[in-house]
Amino acid sequence: MSQLSDKELRKRHAECRMSVNLSAPEIQVCNNIQRECQRRAQQGNYAC
């Protein structure tokens, strides 16, 4: 996830937040995206 641009990460984060009835793998991907958003926020980059 760290290789994603801020724009792409923000787009994927929004898609995850709006999605319903996600499969287990999709939920894991969304969790990874959320963790990357939090990691960047700790570094002062509020991309999401």
N, C-alpha and C. Protein backbone atom coordinates (compact mmCIF):
# COMPACT_ATOMS: atom_id res chain seq x y z
N MET A 1 0.80 -1.19 0.00
CA MET A 1 0.00 0.00 0.00
C MET A 1 0.85 1.27 0.00
N SER A 2 2.05 1.17 0.50
CA SER A 2 2.88 2.37 0.61
C SER A 2 3.27 2.94 -0.75
N GLN A 3 3.18 2.14 -1.82
CA GLN A 3 3.54 2.63 -3.13
C GLN A 3 2.40 3.39 -3.81
N LEU A 4 1.20 3.36 -3.22
CA LEU A 4 0.06 4.08 -3.80
C LEU A 4 0.24 5.58 -3.64
N SER A 5 -0.19 6.32 -4.65
CA SER A 5 -0.17 7.77 -4.53
C SER A 5 -1.26 8.19 -3.54
N ASP A 6 -1.15 9.40 -3.02
CA ASP A 6 -2.17 9.90 -2.10
C ASP A 6 -3.55 9.90 -2.75
N LYS A 7 -3.58 10.29 -4.01
CA LYS A 7 -4.86 10.36 -4.74
C LYS A 7 -5.50 8.98 -4.84
N GLU A 8 -4.71 7.98 -5.22
CA GLU A 8 -5.22 6.62 -5.36
C GLU A 8 -5.66 6.05 -4.01
N LEU A 9 -4.88 6.30 -2.97
CA LEU A 9 -5.22 5.83 -1.64
C LEU A 9 -6.54 6.46 -1.17
N ARG A 10 -6.69 7.75 -1.39
CA ARG A 10 -7.91 8.46 -1.01
C ARG A 10 -9.12 7.88 -1.76
N LYS A 11 -8.95 7.58 -3.05
CA LYS A 11 -10.02 7.01 -3.87
C LYS A 11 -10.43 5.63 -3.34
N ARG A 12 -9.45 4.79 -3.07
CA ARG A 12 -9.75 3.44 -2.58
C ARG A 12 -10.38 3.48 -1.18
N HIS A 13 -9.92 4.41 -0.36
CA HIS A 13 -10.48 4.55 0.99
C HIS A 13 -11.96 4.94 0.90
N ALA A 14 -12.27 5.86 0.02
CA ALA A 14 -13.67 6.28 -0.17
C ALA A 14 -14.52 5.12 -0.67
N GLU A 15 -13.99 4.34 -1.60
CA GLU A 15 -14.73 3.18 -2.11
C GLU A 15 -15.03 2.18 -1.01
N CYS A 16 -14.05 1.94 -0.15
CA CYS A 16 -14.25 1.00 0.96
C CYS A 16 -15.33 1.50 1.91
N ARG A 17 -15.32 2.78 2.20
CA ARG A 17 -16.29 3.34 3.14
C ARG A 17 -17.71 3.29 2.60
N MET A 18 -17.85 3.32 1.28
CA MET A 18 -19.18 3.33 0.67
C MET A 18 -19.68 1.93 0.32
N SER A 19 -18.82 0.94 0.39
CA SER A 19 -19.17 -0.42 -0.01
C SER A 19 -19.98 -1.13 1.07
N VAL A 20 -20.87 -2.00 0.62
CA VAL A 20 -21.63 -2.86 1.52
C VAL A 20 -21.50 -4.30 1.05
N ASN A 21 -21.71 -5.23 1.97
CA ASN A 21 -21.65 -6.66 1.65
C ASN A 21 -20.31 -7.07 1.04
N LEU A 22 -19.24 -6.66 1.66
CA LEU A 22 -17.91 -7.02 1.18
C LEU A 22 -17.58 -8.46 1.55
N SER A 23 -16.81 -9.11 0.69
CA SER A 23 -16.32 -10.45 1.00
C SER A 23 -15.16 -10.33 1.99
N ALA A 24 -14.78 -11.45 2.56
CA ALA A 24 -13.68 -11.45 3.54
C ALA A 24 -12.38 -10.88 2.94
N PRO A 25 -11.99 -11.27 1.71
CA PRO A 25 -10.77 -10.68 1.14
C PRO A 25 -10.90 -9.17 0.92
N GLU A 26 -12.07 -8.73 0.51
CA GLU A 26 -12.28 -7.30 0.30
C GLU A 26 -12.19 -6.53 1.62
N ILE A 27 -12.71 -7.12 2.68
CA ILE A 27 -12.62 -6.49 4.00
C ILE A 27 -11.17 -6.37 4.41
N GLN A 28 -10.37 -7.38 4.14
CA GLN A 28 -8.94 -7.34 4.49
C GLN A 28 -8.23 -6.24 3.71
N VAL A 29 -8.54 -6.10 2.44
CA VAL A 29 -7.94 -5.04 1.63
C VAL A 29 -8.32 -3.67 2.21
N CYS A 30 -9.58 -3.51 2.56
CA CYS A 30 -10.03 -2.24 3.14
C CYS A 30 -9.34 -1.97 4.48
N ASN A 31 -9.14 -2.99 5.27
CA ASN A 31 -8.40 -2.83 6.53
C ASN A 31 -6.97 -2.39 6.27
N ASN A 32 -6.34 -2.96 5.24
CA ASN A 32 -4.97 -2.57 4.89
C ASN A 32 -4.93 -1.11 4.42
N ILE A 33 -5.93 -0.70 3.67
CA ILE A 33 -6.01 0.69 3.21
C ILE A 33 -6.17 1.62 4.40
N GLN A 34 -7.01 1.25 5.36
CA GLN A 34 -7.21 2.06 6.55
C GLN A 34 -5.92 2.20 7.34
N ARG A 35 -5.18 1.10 7.49
CA ARG A 35 -3.91 1.15 8.21
C ARG A 35 -2.90 2.06 7.51
N GLU A 36 -2.89 2.01 6.18
CA GLU A 36 -1.97 2.88 5.43
C GLU A 36 -2.37 4.35 5.61
N CYS A 37 -3.66 4.64 5.64
CA CYS A 37 -4.12 6.01 5.89
C CYS A 37 -3.65 6.47 7.27
N GLN A 38 -3.77 5.61 8.26
CA GLN A 38 -3.35 5.95 9.61
C GLN A 38 -1.83 6.13 9.69
N ARG A 39 -1.09 5.28 8.99
CA ARG A 39 0.37 5.39 8.99
C ARG A 39 0.80 6.73 8.39
N ARG A 40 0.18 7.11 7.29
CA ARG A 40 0.53 8.38 6.65
C ARG A 40 0.13 9.55 7.54
N ALA A 41 -1.01 9.43 8.23
CA ALA A 41 -1.46 10.51 9.11
C ALA A 41 -0.46 10.71 10.25
N GLN A 42 0.11 9.65 10.77
CA GLN A 42 1.10 9.76 11.84
C GLN A 42 2.35 10.49 11.35
N GLN A 43 2.60 10.46 10.06
CA GLN A 43 3.75 11.14 9.49
C GLN A 43 3.39 12.56 9.02
N GLY A 44 2.14 12.97 9.30
CA GLY A 44 1.72 14.33 8.93
C GLY A 44 1.11 14.44 7.56
N ASN A 45 0.90 13.31 6.88
CA ASN A 45 0.31 13.30 5.55
C ASN A 45 -1.12 12.82 5.66
N TYR A 46 -2.07 13.75 5.71
CA TYR A 46 -3.48 13.38 5.89
C TYR A 46 -4.14 13.18 4.54
N ALA A 47 -3.79 12.08 3.88
CA ALA A 47 -4.26 11.78 2.53
C ALA A 47 -5.72 11.33 2.52
N CYS A 48 -6.16 10.72 3.59
CA CYS A 48 -7.52 10.16 3.61
C CYS A 48 -8.46 11.02 4.44
